[in-house]
């Protein structure tokens, strides 16, 4: 997307024009915080999915966590028992 230094310079100039030099540090802080929030959310969802896919894990004791993980992956949970959901979650994780 931004292969050359000229393209990066244009992006920096546009940001400076839009936000000004006084707002630039605040903008960078907000971008960093948003990135951190996204990463933490992603890791939490991955952890829940792995816990639901691993039946030996003590954190996956309840059927509710399996259903939540399946919903997070976009799997239809209606009329399916825990075993079927675990298999579908495992299959979905193998394909991604």
Protein backbone atom coordinates (compact mmCIF):
# COMPACT_ATOMS: atom_id res chain seq x y z
CA UNK A 1 0.00 0.00 0.00
CA UNK A 2 2.71 2.49 1.00
CA UNK A 3 5.73 1.20 -0.87
CA UNK A 4 7.72 4.36 -1.42
CA UNK A 5 8.96 7.00 1.02
CA UNK A 6 7.12 9.66 -0.95
CA UNK A 7 3.78 8.02 -0.17
CA UNK A 8 4.67 7.92 3.55
CA UNK A 9 5.65 11.60 3.44
CA UNK A 10 2.30 12.48 1.88
CA UNK A 11 0.46 10.55 4.60
CA UNK A 12 2.45 12.31 7.35
CA UNK A 13 1.75 15.73 5.79
CA UNK A 14 -1.97 14.98 5.55
CA UNK A 15 -2.04 13.93 9.20
CA UNK A 16 -0.17 17.07 10.22
CA UNK A 17 -2.60 19.25 8.27
CA UNK A 18 -5.66 17.50 9.71
CA UNK A 19 -4.57 17.26 13.34
CA UNK A 20 -1.82 19.85 13.77
CA UNK A 21 1.39 19.42 15.69
CA UNK A 22 -0.23 19.80 19.10
CA UNK A 23 -2.82 17.05 18.53
CA UNK A 24 -0.40 14.58 16.93
CA UNK A 25 0.87 13.00 20.20
CA UNK A 26 -2.70 12.56 21.43
CA UNK A 27 -3.67 10.97 18.11
CA UNK A 28 -0.70 8.57 18.29
CA UNK A 29 -1.59 7.62 21.89
CA UNK A 30 -5.19 6.89 20.90
CA UNK A 31 -4.07 4.75 17.96
CA UNK A 32 -1.74 2.80 20.28
CA UNK A 33 -4.49 2.25 22.84
CA UNK A 34 -6.94 1.09 20.17
CA UNK A 35 -4.36 -1.32 18.80
CA UNK A 36 -3.72 -2.72 22.28
CA UNK A 37 -7.45 -3.15 22.95
CA UNK A 38 -7.86 -4.98 19.64
CA UNK A 39 -4.93 -7.28 20.38
CA UNK A 40 -6.20 -8.08 23.90
CA UNK A 41 -9.69 -8.83 22.58
CA UNK A 42 -8.29 -11.06 19.87
CA UNK A 43 -6.15 -12.99 22.37
CA UNK A 44 -9.11 -13.41 24.73
CA UNK A 45 -11.31 -14.85 21.97
CA UNK A 46 -8.54 -17.19 20.84
CA UNK A 47 -8.05 -18.35 24.44
CA UNK A 48 -11.79 -19.07 24.82
CA UNK A 49 -11.86 -20.98 21.55
CA UNK A 50 -8.85 -23.09 22.49
CA UNK A 51 -10.33 -23.81 25.91
CA UNK A 52 -13.60 -24.91 24.33
CA UNK A 53 -11.81 -27.10 21.79
CA UNK A 54 -9.74 -28.85 24.46
CA UNK A 55 -12.07 -30.96 26.62
CA UNK A 56 -9.29 -31.85 29.09
CA UNK A 57 -8.85 -28.20 30.01
CA UNK A 58 -10.34 -27.29 33.41
CA UNK A 59 -11.48 -23.88 32.12
CA UNK A 60 -13.82 -25.50 29.59
CA UNK A 61 -15.91 -27.28 32.22
CA UNK A 62 -19.23 -25.70 31.31
CA UNK A 63 -21.32 -26.08 28.21
CA UNK A 64 -21.75 -22.31 28.20
CA UNK A 65 -18.12 -21.66 27.24
CA UNK A 66 -18.41 -24.08 24.31
CA UNK A 67 -21.55 -22.34 23.08
CA UNK A 68 -19.92 -18.90 23.45
CA UNK A 69 -16.84 -20.02 21.52
CA UNK A 70 -19.00 -21.49 18.76
CA UNK A 71 -20.98 -18.27 18.50
CA UNK A 72 -17.74 -16.26 18.35
CA UNK A 73 -16.68 -18.37 15.37
CA UNK A 74 -20.04 -17.92 13.65
CA UNK A 75 -21.21 -21.50 14.14
CA UNK A 76 -24.95 -22.11 14.46
CA UNK A 77 -25.54 -23.57 17.94
CA UNK A 78 -29.23 -24.43 17.72
CA UNK A 79 -30.15 -28.08 18.37
CA UNK A 80 -26.52 -29.20 18.79
CA UNK A 81 -25.01 -30.89 21.80
CA UNK A 82 -21.61 -30.10 23.29
CA UNK A 83 -19.82 -32.90 21.43
CA UNK A 84 -21.03 -31.70 18.01
CA UNK A 85 -20.11 -28.10 18.85
CA UNK A 86 -16.62 -29.13 19.97
CA UNK A 87 -16.08 -31.02 16.71
CA UNK A 88 -17.29 -28.06 14.62
CA UNK A 89 -15.08 -25.66 16.60
CA UNK A 90 -12.09 -27.93 16.07
CA UNK A 91 -12.81 -28.20 12.34
CA UNK A 92 -13.20 -24.43 12.07
CA UNK A 93 -9.87 -23.85 13.86
CA UNK A 94 -8.07 -26.31 11.57
CA UNK A 95 -9.29 -24.49 8.46
CA UNK A 96 -8.28 -21.03 9.69
